[in-house]
Amino acid sequence: MNATPHKNFLKKYIKLRPGEKQKFKERRDLFLNDPFNPILNNHALEGKYKGYRSINIGGDLRVVYRLVADDIALFVTIDTHSNLYK
């Protein structure tokens, strides 16, 4: 699996604390090797994010992504669960 960040993702990523960035990098690497590793809790979304999927980064932090090809994920945004699903 390959991943590419959306500009919105990059804006939010820059604002993360260093520990959150490190946790993201660990989970990203896990995602790239096995997108459905149980630790990631990879699941389909509904509502305004229908057609997208989410993975857990740690604590309340989530990444929303969509597949743009069989092996390419577009990371759309990263934020807390409560901010994403208002």
N, C-alpha and C. Protein backbone atom coordinates (compact mmCIF):
# COMPACT_ATOMS: atom_id res chain seq x y z
N MET A 1 0.85 -1.18 0.00
CA MET A 1 0.00 0.00 0.00
C MET A 1 0.89 1.24 0.00
N ASN A 2 0.47 2.24 -0.74
CA ASN A 2 1.13 3.54 -0.75
C ASN A 2 0.12 4.56 -0.24
N ALA A 3 0.64 5.66 0.30
CA ALA A 3 -0.25 6.72 0.80
C ALA A 3 0.28 8.06 0.35
N THR A 4 -0.65 8.96 0.06
CA THR A 4 -0.30 10.32 -0.31
C THR A 4 -1.17 11.27 0.51
N PRO A 5 -0.61 12.36 1.01
CA PRO A 5 -1.40 13.28 1.83
C PRO A 5 -2.11 14.34 0.99
N HIS A 6 -3.33 14.64 1.36
CA HIS A 6 -4.09 15.75 0.79
C HIS A 6 -3.59 17.03 1.45
N LYS A 7 -3.75 18.18 0.81
CA LYS A 7 -3.27 19.44 1.39
C LYS A 7 -3.95 19.73 2.72
N ASN A 8 -5.21 19.36 2.88
CA ASN A 8 -5.91 19.55 4.15
C ASN A 8 -5.27 18.71 5.26
N PHE A 9 -4.87 17.49 4.90
CA PHE A 9 -4.19 16.63 5.86
C PHE A 9 -2.89 17.28 6.32
N LEU A 10 -2.13 17.80 5.38
CA LEU A 10 -0.84 18.41 5.71
C LEU A 10 -1.00 19.61 6.64
N LYS A 11 -2.02 20.43 6.42
CA LYS A 11 -2.28 21.59 7.29
C LYS A 11 -2.53 21.14 8.72
N LYS A 12 -3.31 20.11 8.88
CA LYS A 12 -3.64 19.63 10.22
C LYS A 12 -2.47 18.87 10.84
N TYR A 13 -1.72 18.16 10.03
CA TYR A 13 -0.57 17.41 10.53
C TYR A 13 0.47 18.35 11.14
N ILE A 14 0.70 19.48 10.51
CA ILE A 14 1.69 20.45 11.00
C ILE A 14 1.35 20.92 12.41
N LYS A 15 0.07 20.97 12.74
CA LYS A 15 -0.38 21.47 14.05
C LYS A 15 -0.33 20.43 15.15
N LEU A 16 -0.02 19.18 14.82
CA LEU A 16 0.04 18.13 15.83
C LEU A 16 1.23 18.32 16.76
N ARG A 17 1.08 17.81 17.98
CA ARG A 17 2.20 17.82 18.93
C ARG A 17 3.21 16.77 18.49
N PRO A 18 4.48 16.93 18.90
CA PRO A 18 5.52 15.97 18.47
C PRO A 18 5.17 14.51 18.78
N GLY A 19 4.61 14.23 19.93
CA GLY A 19 4.24 12.86 20.27
C GLY A 19 3.17 12.31 19.35
N GLU A 20 2.24 13.16 18.95
CA GLU A 20 1.19 12.74 18.03
C GLU A 20 1.77 12.46 16.65
N LYS A 21 2.72 13.28 16.24
CA LYS A 21 3.37 13.05 14.94
C LYS A 21 4.11 11.72 14.93
N GLN A 22 4.79 11.42 16.03
CA GLN A 22 5.52 10.16 16.13
C GLN A 22 4.56 8.97 16.09
N LYS A 23 3.45 9.08 16.82
CA LYS A 23 2.45 8.01 16.84
C LYS A 23 1.86 7.82 15.43
N PHE A 24 1.61 8.94 14.74
CA PHE A 24 1.10 8.84 13.37
C PHE A 24 2.08 8.08 12.49
N LYS A 25 3.37 8.42 12.58
CA LYS A 25 4.37 7.76 11.73
C LYS A 25 4.41 6.26 11.98
N GLU A 26 4.27 5.86 13.26
CA GLU A 26 4.26 4.44 13.59
C GLU A 26 3.05 3.75 12.97
N ARG A 27 1.87 4.37 13.12
CA ARG A 27 0.64 3.78 12.59
C ARG A 27 0.61 3.83 11.07
N ARG A 28 1.18 4.89 10.48
CA ARG A 28 1.26 4.97 9.01
C ARG A 28 2.08 3.80 8.47
N ASP A 29 3.22 3.54 9.10
CA ASP A 29 4.07 2.44 8.66
C ASP A 29 3.34 1.10 8.78
N LEU A 30 2.60 0.95 9.88
CA LEU A 30 1.81 -0.26 10.06
C LEU A 30 0.74 -0.37 8.97
N PHE A 31 0.09 0.75 8.66
CA PHE A 31 -0.93 0.81 7.61
C PHE A 31 -0.34 0.44 6.26
N LEU A 32 0.83 0.95 5.95
CA LEU A 32 1.45 0.68 4.64
C LEU A 32 1.79 -0.79 4.47
N ASN A 33 2.14 -1.46 5.57
CA ASN A 33 2.46 -2.88 5.52
C ASN A 33 1.23 -3.78 5.58
N ASP A 34 0.21 -3.35 6.36
CA ASP A 34 -1.00 -4.15 6.54
C ASP A 34 -2.16 -3.21 6.87
N PRO A 35 -2.88 -2.71 5.86
CA PRO A 35 -3.94 -1.73 6.10
C PRO A 35 -5.04 -2.21 7.04
N PHE A 36 -5.19 -3.51 7.19
CA PHE A 36 -6.27 -4.02 8.04
C PHE A 36 -5.76 -4.67 9.32
N ASN A 37 -4.58 -4.25 9.76
CA ASN A 37 -4.08 -4.71 11.05
C ASN A 37 -5.10 -4.33 12.11
N PRO A 38 -5.47 -5.24 13.00
CA PRO A 38 -6.50 -4.95 14.01
C PRO A 38 -6.20 -3.72 14.89
N ILE A 39 -4.95 -3.40 15.09
CA ILE A 39 -4.58 -2.23 15.91
C ILE A 39 -5.14 -0.95 15.29
N LEU A 40 -5.24 -0.91 13.98
CA LEU A 40 -5.69 0.31 13.28
C LEU A 40 -7.20 0.52 13.34
N ASN A 41 -7.94 -0.53 13.62
CA ASN A 41 -9.41 -0.45 13.62
C ASN A 41 -9.91 0.21 12.33
N ASN A 42 -9.39 -0.25 11.21
CA ASN A 42 -9.75 0.29 9.89
C ASN A 42 -11.21 -0.02 9.61
N HIS A 43 -12.00 1.02 9.35
CA HIS A 43 -13.43 0.79 9.12
C HIS A 43 -14.00 1.84 8.16
N ALA A 44 -15.07 1.44 7.48
CA ALA A 44 -15.77 2.32 6.55
C ALA A 44 -16.58 3.35 7.33
N LEU A 45 -16.74 4.51 6.73
CA LEU A 45 -17.49 5.60 7.36
C LEU A 45 -18.81 5.81 6.65
N GLU A 46 -19.69 6.52 7.33
CA GLU A 46 -21.01 6.84 6.78
C GLU A 46 -21.24 8.34 6.90
N GLY A 47 -22.42 8.77 6.51
CA GLY A 47 -22.77 10.19 6.61
C GLY A 47 -21.94 11.03 5.66
N LYS A 48 -21.42 12.15 6.18
CA LYS A 48 -20.67 13.06 5.30
C LYS A 48 -19.37 12.44 4.79
N TYR A 49 -18.92 11.37 5.42
CA TYR A 49 -17.70 10.69 4.99
C TYR A 49 -18.00 9.36 4.29
N LYS A 50 -19.18 9.20 3.76
CA LYS A 50 -19.52 7.97 3.05
C LYS A 50 -18.55 7.78 1.88
N GLY A 51 -18.00 6.58 1.76
CA GLY A 51 -17.01 6.28 0.73
C GLY A 51 -15.58 6.43 1.23
N TYR A 52 -15.43 6.89 2.46
CA TYR A 52 -14.12 7.06 3.08
C TYR A 52 -13.95 5.99 4.16
N ARG A 53 -12.73 5.87 4.63
CA ARG A 53 -12.41 4.94 5.71
C ARG A 53 -11.63 5.69 6.78
N SER A 54 -11.55 5.11 7.95
CA SER A 54 -10.85 5.72 9.07
C SER A 54 -9.93 4.71 9.73
N ILE A 55 -8.78 5.20 10.21
CA ILE A 55 -7.91 4.38 11.04
C ILE A 55 -7.61 5.13 12.33
N ASN A 56 -7.41 4.38 13.40
CA ASN A 56 -7.07 4.96 14.69
C ASN A 56 -5.57 5.19 14.76
N ILE A 57 -5.19 6.37 15.24
CA ILE A 57 -3.78 6.68 15.43
C ILE A 57 -3.38 6.46 16.88
N GLY A 58 -4.22 6.85 17.77
CA GLY A 58 -3.96 6.67 19.19
C GLY A 58 -4.81 7.62 19.98
N GLY A 59 -5.27 7.18 21.13
CA GLY A 59 -6.16 8.02 21.90
C GLY A 59 -7.38 8.35 21.08
N ASP A 60 -7.63 9.64 20.90
CA ASP A 60 -8.81 10.10 20.17
C ASP A 60 -8.48 10.52 18.73
N LEU A 61 -7.24 10.34 18.32
CA LEU A 61 -6.79 10.82 17.01
C LEU A 61 -7.12 9.82 15.90
N ARG A 62 -7.68 10.33 14.79
CA ARG A 62 -8.08 9.50 13.66
C ARG A 62 -7.55 10.09 12.35
N VAL A 63 -7.33 9.21 11.37
CA VAL A 63 -7.02 9.62 10.00
C VAL A 63 -8.17 9.15 9.13
N VAL A 64 -8.70 10.06 8.33
CA VAL A 64 -9.72 9.72 7.34
C VAL A 64 -9.02 9.64 5.99
N TYR A 65 -9.29 8.56 5.27
CA TYR A 65 -8.66 8.39 3.96
C TYR A 65 -9.65 7.76 2.99
N ARG A 66 -9.28 7.80 1.72
CA ARG A 66 -10.05 7.07 0.71
C ARG A 66 -9.07 6.43 -0.26
N LEU A 67 -9.48 5.32 -0.81
CA LEU A 67 -8.66 4.63 -1.80
C LEU A 67 -8.86 5.31 -3.15
N VAL A 68 -7.76 5.70 -3.78
CA VAL A 68 -7.83 6.31 -5.11
C VAL A 68 -7.41 5.31 -6.18
N ALA A 69 -6.83 4.20 -5.74
CA ALA A 69 -6.48 3.07 -6.60
C ALA A 69 -6.40 1.85 -5.68
N ASP A 70 -6.21 0.69 -6.26
CA ASP A 70 -6.17 -0.53 -5.44
C ASP A 70 -5.09 -0.47 -4.35
N ASP A 71 -4.01 0.21 -4.64
CA ASP A 71 -2.90 0.23 -3.68
C ASP A 71 -2.47 1.65 -3.30
N ILE A 72 -3.33 2.63 -3.48
CA ILE A 72 -2.99 4.02 -3.13
C ILE A 72 -4.10 4.62 -2.28
N ALA A 73 -3.72 5.07 -1.08
CA ALA A 73 -4.66 5.73 -0.17
C ALA A 73 -4.35 7.22 -0.14
N LEU A 74 -5.39 8.02 -0.18
CA LEU A 74 -5.26 9.47 -0.05
C LEU A 74 -5.66 9.83 1.37
N PHE A 75 -4.70 10.26 2.19
CA PHE A 75 -5.00 10.69 3.55
C PHE A 75 -5.64 12.07 3.46
N VAL A 76 -6.91 12.16 3.78
CA VAL A 76 -7.70 13.37 3.59
C VAL A 76 -7.57 14.32 4.77
N THR A 77 -7.66 13.80 5.98
CA THR A 77 -7.57 14.65 7.16
C THR A 77 -7.13 13.84 8.36
N ILE A 78 -6.67 14.55 9.38
CA ILE A 78 -6.30 13.94 10.66
C ILE A 78 -6.82 14.86 11.74
N ASP A 79 -7.55 14.29 12.70
CA ASP A 79 -8.14 15.12 13.76
C ASP A 79 -8.69 14.19 14.84
N THR A 80 -9.25 14.80 15.89
CA THR A 80 -9.86 14.00 16.94
C THR A 80 -11.21 13.48 16.47
N HIS A 81 -11.63 12.42 17.09
CA HIS A 81 -12.90 11.80 16.75
C HIS A 81 -14.04 12.82 16.87
N SER A 82 -14.05 13.57 17.96
CA SER A 82 -15.14 14.53 18.18
C SER A 82 -15.15 15.65 17.15
N ASN A 83 -14.00 16.10 16.70
CA ASN A 83 -13.95 17.15 15.67
C ASN A 83 -14.36 16.63 14.29
N LEU A 84 -14.02 15.40 14.01
CA LEU A 84 -14.33 14.84 12.69
C LEU A 84 -15.81 14.53 12.51
N TYR A 85 -16.43 14.03 13.57
CA TYR A 85 -17.78 13.49 13.43
C TYR A 85 -18.83 14.33 14.14
N LYS A 86 -18.69 15.64 14.08
CA LYS A 86 -19.68 16.55 14.68
C LYS A 86 -20.98 16.47 13.94
